């Protein structure tokens, strides 16, 4: 009996041990299952976060790719826009492939008419002509222009977002599920707007699109402004060309008229001078015969008056000769007899003629020659005549016991002559008239000294006929310096 009890006790003990171990195993198993479930839950949460992050990153990447594509597309457009100055060509560049690259299916570019203030479509993608006409009518009728122009930044509208009633109306008018607009500004004034949109619910507009459209609107505004400036500049240039052409034609006509009048003047002077020489020669001849007494005794008072007739006749002959020479040179009838002459001999000849005037006024005549050769090709008679005129003037207008200086020097292929006096000088208001025929300065000394006012004009004609140049500098009460050049060969 005890054995059975012991065996039963052993069995119960074993069963209890087994139960204990089983219970312990179950507790441990439940703990393990719970821990595993916690791990699974954590992994599930992390997986969701990873998936969500991946989706967000993909979305960001898509937006970034879209933005890069848009910026590149705008860059390419910008290069083309900068090379065109025609508004129609400008809008022709914004075509369907360009709009698709930016991720849109519809486009409108509308500008305000300067005279009427109404919106007019300049470019469109995804709209028929009938739709365009309806849109223009609706936008102008409902006065959307002001609201579209007043937007300081792009306006984004999606069908499923909360918007004002007006924007809902625009969605219906524009036949889109979403759109974005940006004002076009030129010269700081809104001139229109650009709109891009989609008809798909999945083609929502985002802030990145706003930046791209702002850039595009700015490009268009700048291009419009440049086009207007170019048009204005081109118009001004054409107007200037027209005026220049008209003025040139007028000047040509005036020049022809001046040539005709100048020829008439030359012919008149030549004819009159020839007509004057015949009676003047007779007057001078009869006066000379009378002074000889061949026609009867001449009283002293008569002789004095006959001498005055002879003297004034000589002055008239000199005047007529100058007039004839000027007329001949202008008409080309006088040919310069060019030959090699000695500068020294020419100067000595002129000084011999002028010496009595120099001595009469006790004037000091200085000659400074810096040339290494003594030959020059010129007409000796005409050049002597020019030098004589210039020296005579210098002596006439130089006070007694003062100085007249002659300078001669080489200047490349030219020989330069200068005659400088220490006289009264030329008033500034008369400087432009010095070489005019019959001009005489308006000063007391000039009025006392007799002359025709043809000397300097004749000198200028002679120098220019030698292909030389003549000019002068003068200072009141200090003197005048006349300078002319003659080619060496």
Protein backbone atom coordinates (compact mmCIF):
# COMPACT_ATOMS: atom_id res chain seq x y z
CA UNK A 1 0.00 0.00 0.00
CA UNK A 2 2.77 2.34 0.86
CA UNK A 3 4.41 1.44 -2.39
CA UNK A 4 1.27 2.42 -4.31
CA UNK A 5 1.13 5.65 -2.33
CA UNK A 6 4.77 6.31 -3.04
CA UNK A 7 4.32 5.47 -6.72
CA UNK A 8 1.17 7.65 -6.83
CA UNK A 9 3.05 10.40 -5.08
CA UNK A 10 5.88 10.02 -7.54
CA UNK A 11 3.43 10.12 -10.43
CA UNK A 12 1.73 13.20 -9.00
CA UNK A 13 5.11 14.80 -8.47
CA UNK A 14 6.15 14.02 -11.99
CA UNK A 15 2.86 15.37 -13.32
CA UNK A 16 3.26 18.49 -11.23
CA UNK A 17 6.80 18.95 -12.52
CA UNK A 18 5.56 18.42 -16.05
CA UNK A 19 2.73 20.90 -15.45
CA UNK A 20 5.17 23.39 -13.98
CA UNK A 21 7.51 23.08 -16.92
CA UNK A 22 4.60 23.32 -19.38
CA UNK A 23 3.23 26.35 -17.62
CA UNK A 24 6.66 27.98 -17.54
CA UNK A 25 7.08 27.21 -21.26
CA UNK A 26 3.70 28.75 -22.02
CA UNK A 27 4.51 31.89 -20.06
CA UNK A 28 7.82 32.20 -21.82
CA UNK A 29 6.15 31.52 -25.16
CA UNK A 30 3.54 34.20 -24.52
CA UNK A 31 6.30 36.64 -23.59
CA UNK A 32 8.21 35.74 -26.74
CA UNK A 33 5.10 36.09 -28.88
CA UNK A 34 4.34 39.46 -27.35
CA UNK A 35 7.90 40.64 -27.87
CA UNK A 36 7.82 39.38 -31.42
CA UNK A 37 4.51 41.15 -32.01
CA UNK A 38 6.00 44.35 -30.64
CA UNK A 39 8.93 43.98 -33.00
CA UNK A 40 6.57 43.31 -35.87
CA UNK A 41 4.52 46.36 -34.97
CA UNK A 42 7.66 48.48 -34.78
CA UNK A 43 8.86 47.16 -38.13
CA UNK A 44 5.44 47.85 -39.61
CA UNK A 45 5.52 51.46 -38.35
CA UNK A 46 9.03 51.94 -39.65
CA UNK A 47 8.07 50.41 -42.99
CA UNK A 48 5.13 52.81 -43.24
CA UNK A 49 7.44 55.73 -42.42
CA UNK A 50 9.95 54.52 -45.00
CA UNK A 51 7.25 54.11 -47.64
CA UNK A 52 5.80 57.51 -46.78
CA UNK A 53 9.27 59.10 -46.88
CA UNK A 54 10.02 57.35 -50.16
CA UNK A 55 6.78 58.62 -51.66
CA UNK A 56 7.55 62.12 -50.42
CA UNK A 57 11.10 61.90 -51.81
CA UNK A 58 9.76 60.63 -55.12
CA UNK A 59 7.31 63.51 -55.19
CA UNK A 60 10.08 66.01 -54.38
CA UNK A 61 12.29 64.37 -56.99
CA UNK A 62 9.50 64.58 -59.55
CA UNK A 63 8.93 68.23 -58.71
CA UNK A 64 12.66 68.88 -58.85
CA UNK A 65 12.98 67.10 -62.20
CA UNK A 66 9.99 69.02 -63.47
CA UNK A 67 11.47 72.29 -62.26
CA UNK A 68 14.87 71.55 -63.80
CA UNK A 69 13.20 70.61 -67.07
CA UNK A 70 11.13 73.78 -66.90
CA UNK A 71 14.15 75.97 -66.14
CA UNK A 72 16.13 74.42 -68.99
CA UNK A 73 13.15 74.89 -71.32
CA UNK A 74 12.82 78.54 -70.22
CA UNK A 75 16.57 79.04 -70.68
CA UNK A 76 16.37 77.77 -74.25
CA UNK A 77 13.34 79.98 -74.89
CA UNK A 78 15.12 82.97 -73.36
CA UNK A 79 18.02 82.67 -75.82
CA UNK A 80 15.57 82.69 -78.72
CA UNK A 81 13.53 85.52 -77.23
CA UNK A 82 16.63 87.71 -76.88
CA UNK A 83 17.37 87.33 -80.59
CA UNK A 84 13.97 88.46 -81.87
CA UNK A 85 12.48 91.93 -82.03
CA UNK A 86 9.15 90.92 -83.57
CA UNK A 87 6.23 90.30 -81.18
CA UNK A 88 4.53 87.82 -83.52
CA UNK A 89 7.74 85.79 -83.82
CA UNK A 90 8.07 85.97 -80.04
CA UNK A 91 4.69 84.33 -79.41
CA UNK A 92 5.36 81.81 -82.15
CA UNK A 93 8.21 80.44 -80.02
CA UNK A 94 5.73 79.44 -77.26
CA UNK A 95 4.42 76.33 -79.03
CA UNK A 96 2.80 73.06 -77.98
CA UNK A 97 6.03 71.08 -77.29
CA UNK A 98 7.20 73.93 -75.10
CA UNK A 99 3.96 73.90 -73.06
CA UNK A 100 4.06 70.08 -72.68
CA UNK A 101 7.64 70.23 -71.39
CA UNK A 102 6.43 72.51 -68.62
CA UNK A 103 3.77 69.91 -67.70
CA UNK A 104 0.65 71.67 -69.03
CA UNK A 105 -1.86 71.01 -71.78
CA UNK A 106 -3.33 74.50 -72.21
CA UNK A 107 -1.86 77.97 -72.66
CA UNK A 108 -3.18 81.47 -73.15
CA UNK A 109 -1.22 84.68 -73.65
CA UNK A 110 -3.47 87.72 -73.67
CA UNK A 111 -2.48 91.37 -74.02
CA UNK A 112 -4.41 94.55 -73.46
CA UNK A 113 -5.15 96.65 -76.54
CA UNK A 114 -3.60 100.10 -75.99
CA UNK A 115 -6.51 102.00 -77.51
CA UNK A 116 -9.56 100.02 -76.31
CA UNK A 117 -8.13 98.44 -73.15
CA UNK A 118 -9.76 95.10 -74.12
CA UNK A 119 -7.96 91.76 -73.85
CA UNK A 120 -6.88 90.09 -77.09
CA UNK A 121 -5.30 86.64 -77.47
CA UNK A 122 -1.77 86.61 -78.84
CA UNK A 123 -0.98 82.92 -78.41
CA UNK A 124 -2.96 79.82 -77.40
CA UNK A 125 -2.46 76.08 -77.03
CA UNK A 126 -5.29 73.57 -76.50
CA UNK A 127 -8.13 75.93 -77.44
CA UNK A 128 -10.22 76.18 -80.57
CA UNK A 129 -10.99 79.49 -82.27
CA UNK A 130 -14.56 79.34 -80.95
CA UNK A 131 -13.31 78.76 -77.38
CA UNK A 132 -10.88 81.67 -77.72
CA UNK A 133 -13.66 83.97 -78.86
CA UNK A 134 -15.84 82.91 -75.92
CA UNK A 135 -13.00 83.36 -73.42
CA UNK A 136 -12.21 86.86 -74.74
CA UNK A 137 -15.88 87.84 -74.55
CA UNK A 138 -16.32 86.47 -71.00
CA UNK A 139 -13.10 87.93 -69.59
CA UNK A 140 -13.75 91.38 -71.04
CA UNK A 141 -17.47 91.32 -70.13
CA UNK A 142 -16.97 90.26 -66.53
CA UNK A 143 -14.09 92.69 -66.05
CA UNK A 144 -11.62 90.00 -65.01
CA UNK A 145 -8.87 92.13 -66.51
CA UNK A 146 -8.38 94.21 -63.39
CA UNK A 147 -8.16 91.22 -61.06
CA UNK A 148 -5.78 89.35 -63.36
CA UNK A 149 -3.52 92.37 -63.73
CA UNK A 150 -3.56 93.35 -60.07
CA UNK A 151 -2.16 90.04 -58.86
CA UNK A 152 1.24 90.85 -57.44
CA UNK A 153 2.20 87.21 -57.77
CA UNK A 154 0.96 84.23 -59.83
CA UNK A 155 -2.56 82.99 -59.11
CA UNK A 156 -2.89 79.21 -58.54
CA UNK A 157 -6.33 77.59 -58.87
CA UNK A 158 -7.19 73.87 -58.45
CA UNK A 159 -10.72 72.50 -58.68
CA UNK A 160 -10.53 70.52 -55.40
CA UNK A 161 -9.10 73.37 -53.30
CA UNK A 162 -11.04 76.11 -51.58
CA UNK A 163 -11.24 79.14 -53.88
CA UNK A 164 -13.38 82.19 -54.26
CA UNK A 165 -16.38 82.09 -56.57
CA UNK A 166 -14.65 84.18 -59.21
CA UNK A 167 -11.86 81.62 -59.58
CA UNK A 168 -14.43 78.83 -59.87
CA UNK A 169 -15.98 80.86 -62.69
CA UNK A 170 -12.59 81.17 -64.36
CA UNK A 171 -12.14 77.38 -64.19
CA UNK A 172 -15.40 76.99 -66.09
CA UNK A 173 -14.66 79.79 -68.55
CA UNK A 174 -11.18 78.43 -69.27
CA UNK A 175 -12.38 74.80 -69.40
CA UNK A 176 -9.67 73.56 -67.01
CA UNK A 177 -9.45 71.65 -63.75
CA UNK A 178 -6.49 73.73 -62.64
CA UNK A 179 -4.59 76.73 -63.92
CA UNK A 180 -2.00 79.31 -62.98
CA UNK A 181 -1.68 82.91 -64.21
CA UNK A 182 1.01 85.56 -63.99
CA UNK A 183 0.83 89.23 -65.10
CA UNK A 184 3.05 90.40 -67.98
CA UNK A 185 4.69 93.71 -67.09
CA UNK A 186 6.48 96.02 -69.53
CA UNK A 187 7.90 99.43 -68.56
CA UNK A 188 6.50 98.94 -65.04
CA UNK A 189 2.95 98.68 -66.38
CA UNK A 190 0.84 95.48 -66.65
CA UNK A 191 0.13 94.85 -70.34
CA UNK A 192 -1.40 91.37 -70.17
CA UNK A 193 -1.13 87.95 -68.56
CA UNK A 194 -0.04 84.41 -69.35
CA UNK A 195 -2.09 81.38 -68.27
CA UNK A 196 -1.24 77.69 -68.23
CA UNK A 197 -3.62 74.94 -67.16
CA UNK A 198 -4.58 71.25 -67.24
CA UNK A 199 -7.85 69.46 -67.91
CA UNK A 200 -6.87 66.45 -65.78
CA UNK A 201 -7.65 66.22 -62.07
CA UNK A 202 -4.16 64.82 -61.55
CA UNK A 203 -2.43 67.79 -63.17
CA UNK A 204 -2.62 70.10 -60.19
CA UNK A 205 -0.62 73.30 -60.22
CA UNK A 206 1.97 73.77 -57.48
CA UNK A 207 4.16 76.56 -56.12
CA UNK A 208 7.06 75.42 -58.31
CA UNK A 209 4.91 76.10 -61.36
CA UNK A 210 4.34 79.61 -60.08
CA UNK A 211 8.08 80.33 -60.10
CA UNK A 212 8.46 79.01 -63.66
CA UNK A 213 5.49 80.98 -64.94
CA UNK A 214 6.79 84.14 -63.24
CA UNK A 215 10.09 83.72 -65.08
CA UNK A 216 8.27 83.14 -68.37
CA UNK A 217 6.03 86.19 -67.83
CA UNK A 218 9.12 88.27 -67.03
CA UNK A 219 10.84 87.05 -70.21
CA UNK A 220 7.80 87.94 -72.29
CA UNK A 221 7.47 91.36 -70.62
CA UNK A 222 11.15 92.13 -71.23
CA UNK A 223 10.86 90.96 -74.84
CA UNK A 224 7.78 93.15 -75.42
CA UNK A 225 9.57 96.12 -73.88
CA UNK A 226 12.69 95.49 -76.01
CA UNK A 227 10.53 95.09 -79.11
CA UNK A 228 8.77 98.39 -78.45
CA UNK A 229 12.08 100.14 -77.81
CA UNK A 230 13.55 98.62 -80.97
CA UNK A 231 10.46 99.64 -82.96
CA UNK A 232 10.65 103.18 -81.60
CA UNK A 233 14.39 103.33 -82.27
CA UNK A 234 13.95 101.88 -85.76
CA UNK A 235 11.14 104.35 -86.43
CA UNK A 236 13.27 107.23 -85.16
CA UNK A 237 16.16 106.01 -87.30
CA UNK A 238 13.93 105.83 -90.39
CA UNK A 239 12.53 109.26 -89.63
CA UNK A 240 16.05 110.60 -89.18
CA UNK A 241 17.10 108.98 -92.46
CA UNK A 242 14.09 110.53 -94.19
CA UNK A 243 14.87 113.96 -92.78
CA UNK A 244 18.55 113.62 -93.65
CA UNK A 245 17.60 112.55 -97.19
CA UNK A 246 15.23 115.51 -97.51
CA UNK A 247 17.79 117.89 -96.07
CA UNK A 248 20.51 116.44 -98.30
CA UNK A 249 18.28 116.92 -101.33
CA UNK A 250 17.55 120.49 -100.25
CA UNK A 251 21.27 121.12 -99.73
CA UNK A 252 22.07 119.63 -103.13
CA UNK A 253 19.49 121.89 -104.73
CA UNK A 254 20.86 124.87 -102.80
CA UNK A 255 24.39 123.89 -103.78
CA UNK A 256 23.41 123.71 -107.44
CA UNK A 257 21.69 127.07 -107.08
CA UNK A 258 24.79 128.51 -105.41
CA UNK A 259 26.96 127.13 -108.19
CA UNK A 260 24.63 128.71 -110.74
CA UNK A 261 24.62 132.04 -108.90
CA UNK A 262 28.39 131.90 -108.41
CA UNK A 263 28.85 131.29 -112.13
CA UNK A 264 26.50 134.17 -112.91
CA UNK A 265 28.50 136.36 -110.51
CA UNK A 266 31.79 135.29 -112.08
CA UNK A 267 30.49 135.83 -115.59
CA UNK A 268 29.05 139.20 -114.57
CA UNK A 269 32.29 140.34 -112.92
CA UNK A 270 34.30 139.17 -115.92
CA UNK A 271 31.97 140.92 -118.39
CA UNK A 272 31.77 144.14 -116.40
CA UNK A 273 35.53 144.20 -115.79
CA UNK A 274 36.22 143.82 -119.50
CA UNK A 275 33.71 146.54 -120.27
CA UNK A 276 35.31 148.84 -117.68
CA UNK A 277 38.86 148.33 -118.93
CA UNK A 278 38.22 149.93 -122.36
CA UNK A 279 36.87 153.31 -121.15
CA UNK A 280 39.33 153.28 -118.24
CA UNK A 281 42.23 152.82 -120.64
CA UNK A 282 40.95 155.76 -122.67
CA UNK A 283 40.60 157.93 -119.55
CA UNK A 284 44.12 157.03 -118.40
CA UNK A 285 45.51 157.62 -121.91
CA UNK A 286 43.88 161.03 -122.38
CA UNK A 287 44.96 162.08 -118.89
CA UNK A 288 48.58 161.14 -119.72
CA UNK A 289 48.45 163.09 -123.02
CA UNK A 290 47.04 166.14 -121.29
CA UNK A 291 49.76 165.99 -118.58
CA UNK A 292 52.48 166.04 -121.29
CA UNK A 293 51.17 169.43 -122.62
CA UNK A 294 50.88 168.17 -126.19
CA UNK A 295 47.34 169.50 -126.38
CA UNK A 296 48.21 172.86 -124.83
CA UNK A 297 49.80 174.34 -121.78
CA UNK A 298 48.75 172.72 -118.47
CA UNK A 299 48.39 174.93 -115.44
CA UNK A 300 49.68 173.62 -112.08
CA UNK A 301 46.15 173.23 -110.71
CA UNK A 302 45.16 171.29 -113.84
CA UNK A 303 48.26 169.10 -113.65
CA UNK A 304 47.49 168.28 -110.01
CA UNK A 305 44.01 167.10 -110.92
CA UNK A 306 45.27 165.15 -113.93
CA UNK A 307 47.73 163.33 -111.63
CA UNK A 308 44.82 162.41 -109.34
CA UNK A 309 42.91 161.08 -112.36
CA UNK A 310 45.97 158.97 -113.28
CA UNK A 311 46.43 157.75 -109.71
CA UNK A 312 42.80 156.73 -109.27
CA UNK A 313 42.79 155.18 -112.73
CA UNK A 314 45.72 152.99 -111.64
CA UNK A 315 43.73 151.95 -108.53
CA UNK A 316 40.75 151.04 -110.71
CA UNK A 317 42.99 149.05 -113.08
CA UNK A 318 44.42 147.15 -110.09
CA UNK A 319 40.91 146.48 -108.77
CA UNK A 320 39.68 145.28 -112.17
CA UNK A 321 42.73 143.04 -112.58
CA UNK A 322 42.05 141.45 -109.17
CA UNK A 323 38.40 140.92 -110.04
CA UNK A 324 39.31 139.33 -113.35
CA UNK A 325 41.91 137.08 -111.75
CA UNK A 326 39.45 135.87 -109.07
CA UNK A 327 36.80 135.22 -111.72
CA UNK A 328 39.26 133.35 -113.93
CA UNK A 329 40.60 131.19 -111.09
CA UNK A 330 37.05 130.32 -109.95
CA UNK A 331 36.00 129.40 -113.48
CA UNK A 332 39.16 127.38 -114.08
CA UNK A 333 40.23 129.54 -116.99
CA UNK A 334 43.55 130.38 -115.33
CA UNK A 335 45.95 127.45 -115.32
CA UNK A 336 48.83 127.63 -112.87
CA UNK A 337 52.13 127.41 -114.74
CA UNK A 338 53.81 125.03 -112.32
CA UNK A 339 57.61 124.77 -112.46
CA UNK A 340 60.57 124.48 -110.12
CA UNK A 341 61.39 127.84 -108.60
CA UNK A 342 63.89 129.05 -106.03
CA UNK A 343 62.29 130.04 -102.75
CA UNK A 344 65.17 132.45 -102.05
CA UNK A 345 64.91 134.17 -105.43
CA UNK A 346 61.12 134.43 -105.11
CA UNK A 347 61.44 135.93 -101.62
CA UNK A 348 64.17 138.38 -102.75
CA UNK A 349 61.95 139.58 -105.59
CA UNK A 350 59.01 140.19 -103.24
CA UNK A 351 61.22 141.99 -100.68
CA UNK A 352 62.62 144.27 -103.38
CA UNK A 353 59.10 145.37 -104.26
CA UNK A 354 58.00 145.81 -100.64
CA UNK A 355 61.18 147.54 -99.38
CA UNK A 356 59.97 151.13 -99.99
CA UNK A 357 56.91 150.53 -97.80
CA UNK A 358 59.10 148.98 -95.11
CA UNK A 359 61.50 151.95 -95.10
CA UNK A 360 58.68 154.48 -95.16
CA UNK A 361 57.33 153.16 -91.81
CA UNK A 362 60.73 152.19 -90.35
CA UNK A 363 59.51 148.64 -89.91
CA UNK A 364 61.93 145.84 -89.02
CA UNK A 365 61.49 142.91 -91.46
CA UNK A 366 62.80 139.60 -90.09
CA UNK A 367 63.21 136.41 -92.13
CA UNK A 368 63.62 132.99 -90.44
CA UNK A 369 64.25 130.19 -92.93
CA UNK A 370 64.55 126.60 -91.61
CA UNK A 371 64.45 124.73 -94.91
CA UNK A 372 67.27 122.49 -96.18
CA UNK A 373 66.46 122.89 -99.86
CA UNK A 374 65.59 125.85 -102.01
CA UNK A 375 63.26 124.45 -104.68
CA UNK A 376 59.48 124.25 -104.82
CA UNK A 377 57.03 123.55 -107.64
CA UNK A 378 54.71 126.53 -108.14
CA UNK A 379 53.62 129.33 -110.47
CA UNK A 380 56.20 132.03 -109.60
CA UNK A 381 54.06 134.98 -110.68
CA UNK A 382 51.01 133.88 -108.71
CA UNK A 383 52.93 132.86 -105.55
CA UNK A 384 54.85 136.16 -105.59
CA UNK A 385 51.53 137.92 -105.92
CA UNK A 386 50.13 136.05 -102.90
CA UNK A 387 53.21 136.76 -100.78
CA UNK A 388 53.17 140.41 -101.84
CA UNK A 389 49.52 140.79 -100.81
CA UNK A 390 50.14 139.24 -97.39
CA UNK A 391 53.28 141.31 -96.75
CA UNK A 392 51.59 144.53 -97.92
CA UNK A 393 48.71 143.91 -95.50
CA UNK A 394 51.11 143.14 -92.65
CA UNK A 395 53.02 146.39 -93.26
CA UNK A 396 49.83 148.45 -93.67
CA UNK A 397 48.42 147.35 -90.33
CA UNK A 398 51.68 147.40 -88.36
CA UNK A 399 52.47 150.67 -86.54
CA UNK A 400 55.73 152.46 -87.35
CA UNK A 401 58.99 151.09 -85.91
CA UNK A 402 57.42 147.68 -85.22
CA UNK A 403 58.23 144.24 -86.62
CA UNK A 404 56.98 141.96 -89.42
CA UNK A 405 58.35 138.42 -89.42
CA UNK A 406 58.54 135.84 -92.23
CA UNK A 407 59.01 132.19 -91.19
CA UNK A 408 59.69 129.38 -93.67
CA UNK A 409 59.93 125.72 -92.60
CA UNK A 410 59.40 122.17 -93.85
CA UNK A 411 56.33 120.15 -92.83
CA UNK A 412 56.52 116.61 -94.23
CA UNK A 413 55.68 117.00 -97.94
CA UNK A 414 54.89 120.69 -97.59
CA UNK A 415 56.70 123.98 -97.17
CA UNK A 416 55.01 126.29 -94.67
CA UNK A 417 55.16 130.09 -94.97
CA UNK A 418 54.10 132.41 -92.13
CA UNK A 419 53.80 136.20 -92.19
CA UNK A 420 53.31 137.67 -88.72
CA UNK A 421 52.73 141.33 -87.91
CA UNK A 422 52.50 143.29 -84.65
CA UNK A 423 49.48 145.30 -85.70
CA UNK A 424 45.95 145.89 -84.44
CA UNK A 425 44.70 142.33 -84.95
CA UNK A 426 41.30 141.16 -86.21
CA UNK A 427 38.11 141.44 -84.09
CA UNK A 428 36.59 138.04 -83.18
CA UNK A 429 33.30 138.85 -84.95
CA UNK A 430 35.19 139.37 -88.23
CA UNK A 431 37.29 136.19 -88.19
CA UNK A 432 34.83 134.17 -90.33
CA UNK A 433 34.66 136.94 -92.97
CA UNK A 434 38.36 137.64 -93.56
CA UNK A 435 38.60 135.69 -96.84
CA UNK A 436 35.28 136.98 -98.21
CA UNK A 437 35.41 139.20 -101.29
CA UNK A 438 35.12 142.97 -100.60
CA UNK A 439 35.23 142.45 -96.83
CA UNK A 440 37.00 145.01 -94.68
CA UNK A 441 37.17 144.97 -90.89
CA UNK A 442 35.14 147.58 -89.04
CA UNK A 443 37.85 149.50 -87.18
CA UNK A 444 39.21 153.03 -87.38
CA UNK A 445 42.63 152.06 -88.82
CA UNK A 446 41.16 149.81 -91.50
CA UNK A 447 38.84 152.57 -92.66
CA UNK A 448 41.79 154.98 -93.04
CA UNK A 449 43.78 152.51 -95.16
CA UNK A 450 42.43 152.30 -98.66
CA UNK A 451 41.74 148.91 -100.25
CA UNK A 452 39.19 146.89 -102.17
CA UNK A 453 38.91 143.93 -99.81
CA UNK A 454 39.89 141.54 -102.62
CA UNK A 455 43.52 140.86 -101.68
CA UNK A 456 43.03 138.06 -99.15
CA UNK A 457 40.28 136.45 -101.24
CA UNK A 458 42.66 136.37 -104.21
CA UNK A 459 45.48 134.97 -102.04
CA UNK A 460 43.19 132.12 -100.86
CA UNK A 461 42.22 131.29 -104.46
CA UNK A 462 45.88 131.20 -105.53
CA UNK A 463 47.00 128.99 -102.60
CA UNK A 464 44.11 126.54 -103.07
CA UNK A 465 44.82 126.41 -106.83
CA UNK A 466 48.30 125.18 -105.81
CA UNK A 467 46.63 122.46 -103.64
CA UNK A 468 47.79 124.25 -100.51
CA UNK A 469 45.98 125.54 -97.42
CA UNK A 470 45.84 128.95 -95.76
CA UNK A 471 44.72 130.00 -92.26
CA UNK A 472 45.45 132.66 -89.68
CA UNK A 473 45.46 133.44 -85.96
CA UNK A 474 44.92 136.87 -84.49
CA UNK A 475 44.75 138.70 -81.20
CA UNK A 476 43.44 142.22 -80.81
CA UNK A 477 46.15 144.87 -80.29
CA UNK A 478 48.89 142.22 -80.54
CA UNK A 479 48.93 141.22 -84.18
CA UNK A 480 47.95 138.66 -86.82
CA UNK A 481 49.75 135.66 -88.28
CA UNK A 482 48.82 134.31 -91.73
CA UNK A 483 50.14 130.84 -92.58
CA UNK A 484 49.93 128.86 -95.81
CA UNK A 485 51.40 125.63 -97.11
CA UNK A 486 52.54 124.58 -100.59
CA UNK A 487 53.35 121.02 -101.72
CA UNK A 488 57.06 120.39 -102.36
CA UNK A 489 56.39 118.46 -105.53
